[in-house]
C-alpha atoms as a PDB file:
ATOM      1  CA  MET A   1     128.594   1.215 191.607  1.00  0.00           C
ATOM      2  CA  SER A   2     129.406  -0.914 194.618  1.00  0.00           C
ATOM      3  CA  SER A   3     132.583  -0.016 196.509  1.00  0.00           C
ATOM      4  CA  GLU A   4     133.154  -3.745 197.035  1.00  0.00           C
ATOM      5  CA  ILE A   5     134.960  -3.996 193.706  1.00  0.00           C
ATOM      6  CA  PHE A   6     137.553  -1.454 194.864  1.00  0.00           C
ATOM      7  CA  TYR A   7     137.963  -3.312 198.145  1.00  0.00           C
ATOM      8  CA  LYS A   8     138.682  -6.435 196.092  1.00  0.00           C
ATOM      9  CA  ALA A   9     141.323  -4.501 194.136  1.00  0.00           C
ATOM     10  CA  LEU A  10     142.945  -3.207 197.329  1.00  0.00           C
ATOM     11  CA  LYS A  11     143.011  -6.683 198.841  1.00  0.00           C
ATOM     12  CA  ALA A  12     144.567  -8.108 195.668  1.00  0.00           C
ATOM     13  CA  SER A  13     147.302  -5.462 195.739  1.00  0.00           C
ATOM     14  CA  GLN A  14     148.052  -6.205 199.380  1.00  0.00           C
ATOM     15  CA  GLN A  15     148.297  -9.928 198.624  1.00  0.00           C
ATOM     16  CA  GLY A  16     150.577  -9.380 195.630  1.00  0.00           C
ATOM     17  CA  GLN A  17     148.042 -10.323 192.969  1.00  0.00           C
ATOM     18  CA  ASN A  18     147.825  -8.600 189.577  1.00  0.00           C
ATOM     19  CA  TYR A  19     144.429  -7.650 188.191  1.00  0.00           C
ATOM     20  CA  ALA A  20     142.627  -5.647 185.513  1.00  0.00           C
ATOM     21  CA  PHE A  21     139.426  -3.627 185.369  1.00  0.00           C
ATOM     22  CA  ALA A  22     137.003  -3.963 182.449  1.00  0.00           C
ATOM     23  CA  THR A  23     134.816  -0.851 182.294  1.00  0.00           C
ATOM     24  CA  ILE A  24     132.051  -0.056 179.798  1.00  0.00           C
ATOM     25  CA  VAL A  25     132.948   3.398 178.467  1.00  0.00           C
ATOM     26  CA  GLU A  26     130.351   3.574 175.686  1.00  0.00           C
ATOM     27  CA  ALA A  27     127.055   1.745 175.153  1.00  0.00           C
ATOM     28  CA  THR A  28     123.995   2.196 172.963  1.00  0.00           C
ATOM     29  CA  LEU A  29     120.822   3.171 174.790  1.00  0.00           C
ATOM     30  CA  LYS A  30     119.213  -0.143 173.855  1.00  0.00           C
ATOM     31  CA  GLY A  31     120.460  -3.598 173.128  1.00  0.00           C
ATOM     32  CA  THR A  32     123.261  -4.039 175.698  1.00  0.00           C
ATOM     33  CA  PRO A  33     122.840  -5.856 179.026  1.00  0.00           C
ATOM     34  CA  ARG A  34     124.829  -3.242 180.984  1.00  0.00           C
ATOM     35  CA  LYS A  35     125.338   0.462 180.423  1.00  0.00           C
ATOM     36  CA  MET A  36     128.237   2.925 180.602  1.00  0.00           C
ATOM     37  CA  GLY A  37     130.146   2.759 183.879  1.00  0.00           C
ATOM     38  CA  ALA A  38     129.527  -0.934 184.592  1.00  0.00           C
ATOM     39  CA  LYS A  39     132.761  -2.466 185.842  1.00  0.00           C
ATOM     40  CA  MET A  40     134.279  -5.898 186.392  1.00  0.00           C
ATOM     41  CA  ILE A  41     137.584  -6.854 187.983  1.00  0.00           C
ATOM     42  CA  VAL A  42     139.552  -9.845 186.689  1.00  0.00           C
ATOM     43  CA  PHE A  43     142.419 -11.390 188.670  1.00  0.00           C
ATOM     44  CA  ASP A  44     145.513 -13.027 187.240  1.00  0.00           C
ATOM     45  CA  ASP A  45     144.212 -16.484 188.158  1.00  0.00           C
ATOM     46  CA  GLY A  46     141.183 -15.976 185.881  1.00  0.00           C
ATOM     47  CA  THR A  47     138.613 -15.373 188.597  1.00  0.00           C
ATOM     48  CA  SER A  48     136.479 -12.239 188.473  1.00  0.00           C
ATOM     49  CA  TYR A  49     134.063 -10.076 190.431  1.00  0.00           C
ATOM     50  CA  GLY A  50     131.291  -7.907 189.049  1.00  0.00           C
ATOM     51  CA  THR A  51     129.826  -8.112 185.552  1.00  0.00           C
ATOM     52  CA  ILE A  52     129.638  -6.194 182.304  1.00  0.00           C
ATOM     53  CA  GLY A  53     126.712  -8.261 181.047  1.00  0.00           C
ATOM     54  CA  GLY A  54     127.627 -11.923 181.082  1.00  0.00           C
ATOM     55  CA  GLY A  55     127.631 -14.263 178.132  1.00  0.00           C
ATOM     56  CA  ARG A  56     130.191 -14.638 175.381  1.00  0.00           C
ATOM     57  CA  ASN A  57     131.230 -10.974 175.414  1.00  0.00           C
ATOM     58  CA  GLU A  58     132.033 -11.023 179.111  1.00  0.00           C
ATOM     59  CA  LYS A  59     134.017 -14.223 178.550  1.00  0.00           C
ATOM     60  CA  ALA A  60     135.908 -12.441 175.762  1.00  0.00           C
ATOM     61  CA  ALA A  61     136.515  -9.441 178.035  1.00  0.00           C
ATOM     62  CA  ILE A  62     137.962 -11.728 180.725  1.00  0.00           C
ATOM     63  CA  ALA A  63     140.390 -13.124 178.137  1.00  0.00           C
ATOM     64  CA  GLU A  64     141.339  -9.556 177.152  1.00  0.00           C
ATOM     65  CA  CYS A  65     141.955  -8.700 180.819  1.00  0.00           C
ATOM     66  CA  LEU A  66     144.269 -11.686 181.268  1.00  0.00           C
ATOM     67  CA  LYS A  67     146.149 -10.661 178.121  1.00  0.00           C
ATOM     68  CA  ALA A  68     146.468  -7.091 179.408  1.00  0.00           C
ATOM     69  CA  ILE A  69     147.738  -8.315 182.791  1.00  0.00           C
ATOM     70  CA  LYS A  70     150.411 -10.396 181.094  1.00  0.00           C
ATOM     71  CA  GLN A  71     151.508  -7.635 178.703  1.00  0.00           C
ATOM     72  CA  GLN A  72     150.777  -4.704 181.045  1.00  0.00           C
ATOM     73  CA  LYS A  73     149.112  -2.827 178.204  1.00  0.00           C
ATOM     74  CA  PRO A  74     145.620  -1.255 178.351  1.00  0.00           C
ATOM     75  CA  ALA A  75     143.185  -1.752 175.495  1.00  0.00           C
ATOM     76  CA  THR A  76     139.745  -0.704 174.265  1.00  0.00           C
ATOM     77  CA  VAL A  77     137.596  -3.420 172.713  1.00  0.00           C
ATOM     78  CA  THR A  78     134.203  -3.251 171.019  1.00  0.00           C
ATOM     79  CA  TYR A  79     131.481  -5.866 171.422  1.00  0.00           C
ATOM     80  CA  ASN A  80     128.472  -6.072 169.106  1.00  0.00           C
ATOM     81  CA  TYR A  81     125.034  -7.520 169.804  1.00  0.00           C
ATOM     82  CA  PHE A  82     123.728  -7.378 166.214  1.00  0.00           C
ATOM     83  CA  GLY A  83     123.011 -11.077 165.822  1.00  0.00           C
ATOM     84  CA  ARG A  84     125.640 -11.761 163.199  1.00  0.00           C
ATOM     85  CA  GLU A  85     127.663 -14.974 163.376  1.00  0.00           C
ATOM     86  CA  GLY A  86     129.401 -15.184 166.731  1.00  0.00           C
ATOM     87  CA  GLU A  87     127.393 -12.240 168.155  1.00  0.00           C
ATOM     88  CA  SER A  88     124.553 -11.952 170.630  1.00  0.00           C
ATOM     89  CA  VAL A  89     121.193 -10.775 169.321  1.00  0.00           C
ATOM     90  CA  CYS A  90     120.281  -7.940 171.724  1.00  0.00           C
ATOM     91  CA  GLY A  91     120.809  -5.330 169.003  1.00  0.00           C
ATOM     92  CA  GLY A  92     123.360  -2.934 170.513  1.00  0.00           C
ATOM     93  CA  GLN A  93     127.053  -2.206 170.894  1.00  0.00           C
ATOM     94  CA  MET A  94     129.407  -1.387 173.752  1.00  0.00           C
ATOM     95  CA  LYS A  95     133.037  -0.373 174.128  1.00  0.00           C
ATOM     96  CA  VAL A  96     135.036  -1.712 177.060  1.00  0.00           C
ATOM     97  CA  PHE A  97     138.235  -0.218 178.430  1.00  0.00           C
ATOM     98  CA  ILE A  98     140.647  -2.851 179.748  1.00  0.00           C
ATOM     99  CA  GLU A  99     142.998  -1.413 182.385  1.00  0.00           C
ATOM    100  CA  PRO A 100     145.667  -3.670 183.928  1.00  0.00           C
ATOM    101  CA  PHE A 101     147.258  -3.101 187.322  1.00  0.00           C
ATOM    102  CA  ALA A 102     150.485  -4.750 188.477  1.00  0.00           C
ATOM    103  CA  ILE A 103     151.824  -5.083 191.970  1.00  0.00           C
ATOM    104  CA  GLU A 104     154.862  -2.986 192.803  1.00  0.00           C
ATOM    105  CA  ASP A 105     158.239  -4.358 191.759  1.00  0.00           C
ATOM    106  CA  HIS A 106     160.177  -5.411 194.848  1.00  0.00           C
ATOM    107  CA  LEU A 107     163.943  -5.051 195.197  1.00  0.00           C
ATOM    108  CA  VAL A 108     165.338  -7.145 198.047  1.00  0.00           C
ATOM    109  CA  ILE A 109     168.913  -6.281 199.019  1.00  0.00           C
ATOM    110  CA  CYS A 110     170.720  -8.780 201.221  1.00  0.00           C
ATOM    111  CA  GLY A 111     173.360  -6.705 202.924  1.00  0.00           C
ATOM    112  CA  ALA A 112     173.470  -3.126 204.190  1.00  0.00           C
ATOM    113  CA  GLY A 113     177.030  -2.151 203.368  1.00  0.00           C
ATOM    114  CA  HIS A 114     178.720   0.276 201.001  1.00  0.00           C
ATOM    115  CA  ILE A 115     177.039  -1.056 197.822  1.00  0.00           C
ATOM    116  CA  ALA A 116     173.602  -1.522 199.373  1.00  0.00           C
ATOM    117  CA  LEU A 117     173.263   2.170 200.183  1.00  0.00           C
ATOM    118  CA  PRO A 118     173.503   3.577 196.624  1.00  0.00           C
ATOM    119  CA  LEU A 119     171.778   0.475 195.247  1.00  0.00           C
ATOM    120  CA  SER A 120     168.729   1.064 197.444  1.00  0.00           C
ATOM    121  CA  ALA A 121     168.661   4.744 196.495  1.00  0.00           C
ATOM    122  CA  VAL A 122     168.725   3.997 192.763  1.00  0.00           C
ATOM    123  CA  GLY A 123     166.082   1.317 193.294  1.00  0.00           C
ATOM    124  CA  LYS A 124     163.748   3.834 194.921  1.00  0.00           C
ATOM    125  CA  ILE A 125     164.381   6.397 192.167  1.00  0.00           C
ATOM    126  CA  LEU A 126     163.328   3.754 189.654  1.00  0.00           C
ATOM    127  CA  GLY A 127     160.093   3.058 191.520  1.00  0.00           C
ATOM    128  CA  PHE A 128     160.898  -0.212 193.281  1.00  0.00           C
ATOM    129  CA  LYS A 129     159.693  -1.155 196.719  1.00  0.00           C
ATOM    130  CA  VAL A 130     162.981  -1.741 198.572  1.00  0.00           C
ATOM    131  CA  THR A 131     163.735  -4.117 201.451  1.00  0.00           C
ATOM    132  CA  ILE A 132     167.101  -4.248 203.245  1.00  0.00           C
ATOM    133  CA  ILE A 133     168.291  -7.351 205.138  1.00  0.00           C
ATOM    134  CA  ASP A 134     171.344  -7.424 207.401  1.00  0.00           C
ATOM    135  CA  ASP A 135     172.368  -8.902 210.750  1.00  0.00           C
ATOM    136  CA  ARG A 136     174.113  -5.694 211.857  1.00  0.00           C
ATOM    137  CA  ARG A 137     171.735  -3.237 213.462  1.00  0.00           C
ATOM    138  CA  GLU A 138     174.353  -0.496 213.259  1.00  0.00           C
ATOM    139  CA  PHE A 139     174.062  -0.773 209.457  1.00  0.00           C
ATOM    140  CA  ALA A 140     170.458  -1.860 208.991  1.00  0.00           C
ATOM    141  CA  ASN A 141     168.553   1.076 210.443  1.00  0.00           C
ATOM    142  CA  LYS A 142     166.344   3.953 209.362  1.00  0.00           C
ATOM    143  CA  LYS A 143     169.013   6.539 210.011  1.00  0.00           C
ATOM    144  CA  ARG A 144     171.223   4.951 207.360  1.00  0.00           C
ATOM    145  CA  PHE A 145     168.354   3.938 205.054  1.00  0.00           C
ATOM    146  CA  PRO A 146     165.579   6.523 205.569  1.00  0.00           C
ATOM    147  CA  HIS A 147     164.304   6.024 202.022  1.00  0.00           C
ATOM    148  CA  VAL A 148     163.658   2.267 201.994  1.00  0.00           C
ATOM    149  CA  ASP A 149     160.315   0.599 202.637  1.00  0.00           C
ATOM    150  CA  LYS A 150     161.386  -2.139 205.026  1.00  0.00           C
ATOM    151  CA  ILE A 151     164.437  -3.117 207.065  1.00  0.00           C
ATOM    152  CA  MET A 152     164.845  -6.657 208.410  1.00  0.00           C
ATOM    153  CA  VAL A 153     167.501  -7.261 211.039  1.00  0.00           C
ATOM    154  CA  GLY A 154     168.690 -10.809 211.562  1.00  0.00           C
ATOM    155  CA  HIS A 155     170.430 -13.723 209.873  1.00  0.00           C
ATOM    156  CA  HIS A 156     170.403 -12.882 206.167  1.00  0.00           C
ATOM    157  CA  ALA A 157     169.113 -16.181 204.770  1.00  0.00           C
ATOM    158  CA  GLN A 158     166.601 -16.703 207.568  1.00  0.00           C
ATOM    159  CA  GLU A 159     165.110 -13.243 207.080  1.00  0.00           C
ATOM    160  CA  LEU A 160     165.131 -13.699 203.316  1.00  0.00           C
ATOM    161  CA  ALA A 161     163.133 -16.910 203.728  1.00  0.00           C
ATOM    162  CA  LYS A 162     160.358 -14.909 205.426  1.00  0.00           C
ATOM    163  CA  ILE A 163     159.725 -12.794 202.329  1.00  0.00           C
ATOM    164  CA  LYS A 164     157.009 -13.805 199.883  1.00  0.00           C
ATOM    165  CA  ILE A 165     159.026 -13.994 196.675  1.00  0.00           C
ATOM    166  CA  GLN A 166     157.017 -13.454 193.508  1.00  0.00           C
ATOM    167  CA  PRO A 167     157.697 -13.056 189.771  1.00  0.00           C
ATOM    168  CA  ASN A 168     158.171  -9.309 190.313  1.00  0.00           C
ATOM    169  CA  THR A 169     160.798  -9.764 193.049  1.00  0.00           C
ATOM    170  CA  TYR A 170     164.404  -8.820 192.271  1.00  0.00           C
ATOM    171  CA  ILE A 171     167.072 -10.067 194.686  1.00  0.00           C
ATOM    172  CA  ALA A 172     170.558  -8.563 194.989  1.00  0.00           C
ATOM    173  CA  VAL A 173     172.970 -10.332 197.343  1.00  0.00           C
ATOM    174  CA  VAL A 174     175.703  -8.001 198.600  1.00  0.00           C
ATOM    175  CA  THR A 175     176.443  -9.176 202.141  1.00  0.00           C
ATOM    176  CA  GLN A 176     179.670  -8.763 204.099  1.00  0.00           C
ATOM    177  CA  GLY A 177     180.711 -12.416 203.798  1.00  0.00           C
ATOM    178  CA  ASN A 178     180.937 -15.202 201.219  1.00  0.00           C
ATOM    179  CA  GLU A 179     179.091 -17.703 203.388  1.00  0.00           C
ATOM    180  CA  TYR A 180     176.231 -15.257 203.923  1.00  0.00           C
ATOM    181  CA  ASP A 181     176.105 -14.758 200.147  1.00  0.00           C
ATOM    182  CA  PHE A 182     175.966 -18.493 199.549  1.00  0.00           C
ATOM    183  CA  GLU A 183     173.207 -19.108 202.103  1.00  0.00           C
ATOM    184  CA  CYS A 184     171.109 -16.324 200.579  1.00  0.00           C
ATOM    185  CA  LEU A 185     171.604 -17.742 197.095  1.00  0.00           C
ATOM    186  CA  LYS A 186     170.707 -21.236 198.246  1.00  0.00           C
ATOM    187  CA  THR A 187     167.546 -19.913 199.913  1.00  0.00           C
ATOM    188  CA  VAL A 188     166.142 -18.335 196.726  1.00  0.00           C
ATOM    189  CA  ILE A 189     167.687 -20.386 193.909  1.00  0.00           C
ATOM    190  CA  LYS A 190     164.376 -22.233 193.301  1.00  0.00           C
ATOM    191  CA  SER A 191     162.135 -19.245 193.930  1.00  0.00           C
ATOM    192  CA  PRO A 192     160.020 -17.547 191.222  1.00  0.00           C
ATOM    193  CA  ALA A 193     162.028 -14.317 191.546  1.00  0.00           C
ATOM    194  CA  ALA A 194     162.490 -12.377 188.315  1.00  0.00           C
ATOM    195  CA  TYR A 195     166.139 -11.758 189.122  1.00  0.00           C
ATOM    196  CA  ILE A 196     168.710 -13.270 191.465  1.00  0.00           C
ATOM    197  CA  GLY A 197     172.142 -11.667 191.520  1.00  0.00           C
ATOM    198  CA  VAL A 198     175.228 -12.108 193.671  1.00  0.00           C
ATOM    199  CA  ILE A 199     178.182  -9.726 193.979  1.00  0.00           C
ATOM    200  CA  SER A 200     180.997 -12.043 193.012  1.00  0.00           C
ATOM    201  CA  SER A 201     184.140 -12.867 191.125  1.00  0.00           C
ATOM    202  CA  LYS A 202     184.159 -15.602 188.483  1.00  0.00           C
ATOM    203  CA  PRO A 203     186.049 -18.060 190.758  1.00  0.00           C
ATOM    204  CA  LYS A 204     183.429 -17.442 193.447  1.00  0.00           C
ATOM    205  CA  LYS A 205     180.713 -18.260 190.901  1.00  0.00           C
ATOM    206  CA  VAL A 206     182.355 -21.592 190.070  1.00  0.00           C
ATOM    207  CA  LYS A 207     182.664 -22.439 193.759  1.00  0.00           C
ATOM    208  CA  PHE A 208     179.064 -21.468 194.606  1.00  0.00           C
ATOM    209  CA  LEU A 209     177.494 -23.327 191.695  1.00  0.00           C
ATOM    210  CA  GLY A 210     179.648 -26.365 192.408  1.00  0.00           C
ATOM    211  CA  ARG A 211     178.459 -26.453 196.015  1.00  0.00           C
ATOM    212  CA  LEU A 212     174.829 -26.088 194.974  1.00  0.00           C
ATOM    213  CA  LYS A 213     175.164 -28.867 192.404  1.00  0.00           C
ATOM    214  CA  ALA A 214     176.750 -31.123 195.022  1.00  0.00           C
ATOM    215  CA  GLN A 215     173.746 -30.434 197.249  1.00  0.00           C
ATOM    216  CA  GLY A 216     171.356 -31.647 194.579  1.00  0.00           C
ATOM    217  CA  ILE A 217     170.266 -28.397 192.934  1.00  0.00           C
ATOM    218  CA  GLU A 218     169.194 -29.138 189.355  1.00  0.00           C
ATOM    219  CA  GLU A 219     171.003 -27.622 186.379  1.00  0.00           C
ATOM    220  CA  LYS A 220     167.971 -25.570 185.310  1.00  0.00           C
ATOM    221  CA  TYR A 221     168.192 -23.607 188.570  1.00  0.00           C
ATOM    222  CA  LEU A 222     171.961 -23.197 188.384  1.00  0.00           C
ATOM    223  CA  LYS A 223     171.546 -21.234 185.153  1.00  0.00           C
ATOM    224  CA  ARG A 224     169.329 -18.606 186.770  1.00  0.00           C
ATOM    225  CA  PRO A 225     171.596 -16.471 189.010  1.00  0.00           C
ATOM    226  CA  HIS A 226     173.499 -13.516 187.651  1.00  0.00           C
ATOM    227  CA  ILE A 227     176.993 -14.074 189.041  1.00  0.00           C
ATOM    228  CA  PRO A 228     178.806 -11.729 188.977  1.00  0.00           C
ATOM    229  CA  MET A 229     175.787  -9.459 188.811  1.00  0.00           C
ATOM    230  CA  GLY A 230     175.677  -6.179 186.984  1.00  0.00           C
ATOM    231  CA  ILE A 231     176.426  -4.992 183.471  1.00  0.00           C
ATOM    232  CA  ASP A 232     180.111  -4.460 182.713  1.00  0.00           C
ATOM    233  CA  ILE A 233     180.522  -0.690 182.548  1.00  0.00           C
ATOM    234  CA  GLY A 234     183.993  -0.678 184.062  1.00  0.00           C
ATOM    235  CA  SER A 235     182.463   0.228 187.419  1.00  0.00           C
ATOM    236  CA  GLU A 236     184.754   0.720 190.388  1.00  0.00           C
ATOM    237  CA  THR A 237     183.052   2.804 193.087  1.00  0.00           C
ATOM    238  CA  PRO A 238     180.048   1.569 195.090  1.00  0.00           C
ATOM    239  CA  GLU A 239     177.889   4.071 193.233  1.00  0.00           C
ATOM    240  CA  GLU A 240     179.051   2.855 189.813  1.00  0.00           C
ATOM    241  CA  ILE A 241     178.575  -0.768 190.874  1.00  0.00           C
ATOM    242  CA  ALA A 242     175.035   0.080 192.027  1.00  0.00           C
ATOM    243  CA  VAL A 243     174.275   1.615 188.635  1.00  0.00           C
ATOM    244  CA  SER A 244     175.601  -1.481 186.835  1.00  0.00           C
ATOM    245  CA  ILE A 245     173.443  -3.776 188.993  1.00  0.00           C
ATOM    246  CA  MET A 246     170.270  -1.716 188.547  1.00  0.00           C
ATOM    247  CA  ALA A 247     170.947  -1.490 184.799  1.00  0.00           C
ATOM    248  CA  GLU A 248     170.973  -5.284 184.622  1.00  0.00           C
ATOM    249  CA  ILE A 249     167.824  -5.533 186.747  1.00  0.00           C
ATOM    250  CA  VAL A 250     166.009  -3.028 184.539  1.00  0.00           C
ATOM    251  CA  ALA A 251     167.180  -4.935 181.449  1.00  0.00           C
ATOM    252  CA  VAL A 252     165.626  -8.119 182.873  1.00  0.00           C
ATOM    253  CA  LYS A 253     162.466  -6.246 183.821  1.00  0.00           C
ATOM    254  CA  ASN A 254     162.131  -4.656 180.360  1.00  0.00           C
ATOM    255  CA  LYS A 255     163.470  -7.554 178.289  1.00  0.00           C
ATOM    256  CA  GLU A 256     160.437  -7.562 175.978  1.00  0.00           C
ATOM    257  CA  ARG A 257     161.066  -3.942 175.016  1.00  0.00           C
ATOM    258  CA  ILE A 258     164.806  -4.160 174.385  1.00  0.00           C
ATOM    259  CA  GLY A 259     165.633  -3.613 170.725  1.00  0.00           C
ATOM    260  CA  THR A 260     162.545  -1.560 169.884  1.00  0.00           C
ATOM    261  CA  ASP A 261     162.869   1.464 167.579  1.00  0.00           C
ATOM    262  CA  LYS A 262     162.915   3.791 170.567  1.00  0.00           C
ATOM    263  CA  PHE A 263     166.419   2.611 171.468  1.00  0.00           C
ATOM    264  CA  LEU A 264     167.948   2.089 168.038  1.00  0.00           C
ATOM    265  CA  ASN A 265     170.638   4.476 166.864  1.00  0.00           C
ATOM    266  CA  LYS A 266     169.498   6.886 164.187  1.00  0.00           C
END
């Protein structure tokens, strides 16, 4: 097996692209174009590298990979070559394991103050890549945040604009000033981020959304931010507020699984 396919996977991860492997895990000795161990990688844009035999079955496997990427669920599928309707006529059978891989969820925290510290810690515990942004070097440093992945020092909104925001990016705005909060919100309001939240009171929400609307931001974008962010758990301390924010972020992240039997009261 060529190592090139794994290089492609590494490059995709570095560029923030989801992908899935399709690997033949069982195959008859005769009648299949490729044998056990043959592997193909399929990217979330539908392109692929490698082959598990070509033809209609490979096309079907690509569709299964795209489905697995979207749902983040592995699968095993069987393809026949017995010549029946809709089948190839080679005379064999193979099983293909579909294994999706997703890029790491990214928590971007604008602000490095008293809420950002526990928020970043909880984010790391939950497996997020964490980035801190603040214009105060005495706050935004490795001594204060030894556990985070990246620290950006500079104007909050300007640094935020440098980040490649993707559908697995979660943005929490907790700066030391209302104007900083607003500029950060304005910077990402149209982004594809999965979550945009601002630490806020309800009057602040009305003011922020009014300003954005006056600046021409469409209504569909104004509905996106979570302001005030966090689930109401009666939180008071920075640590409790951090828990409420991460609970809301996780709820957004896992929205398709909320309400399943696992979480219903017995």
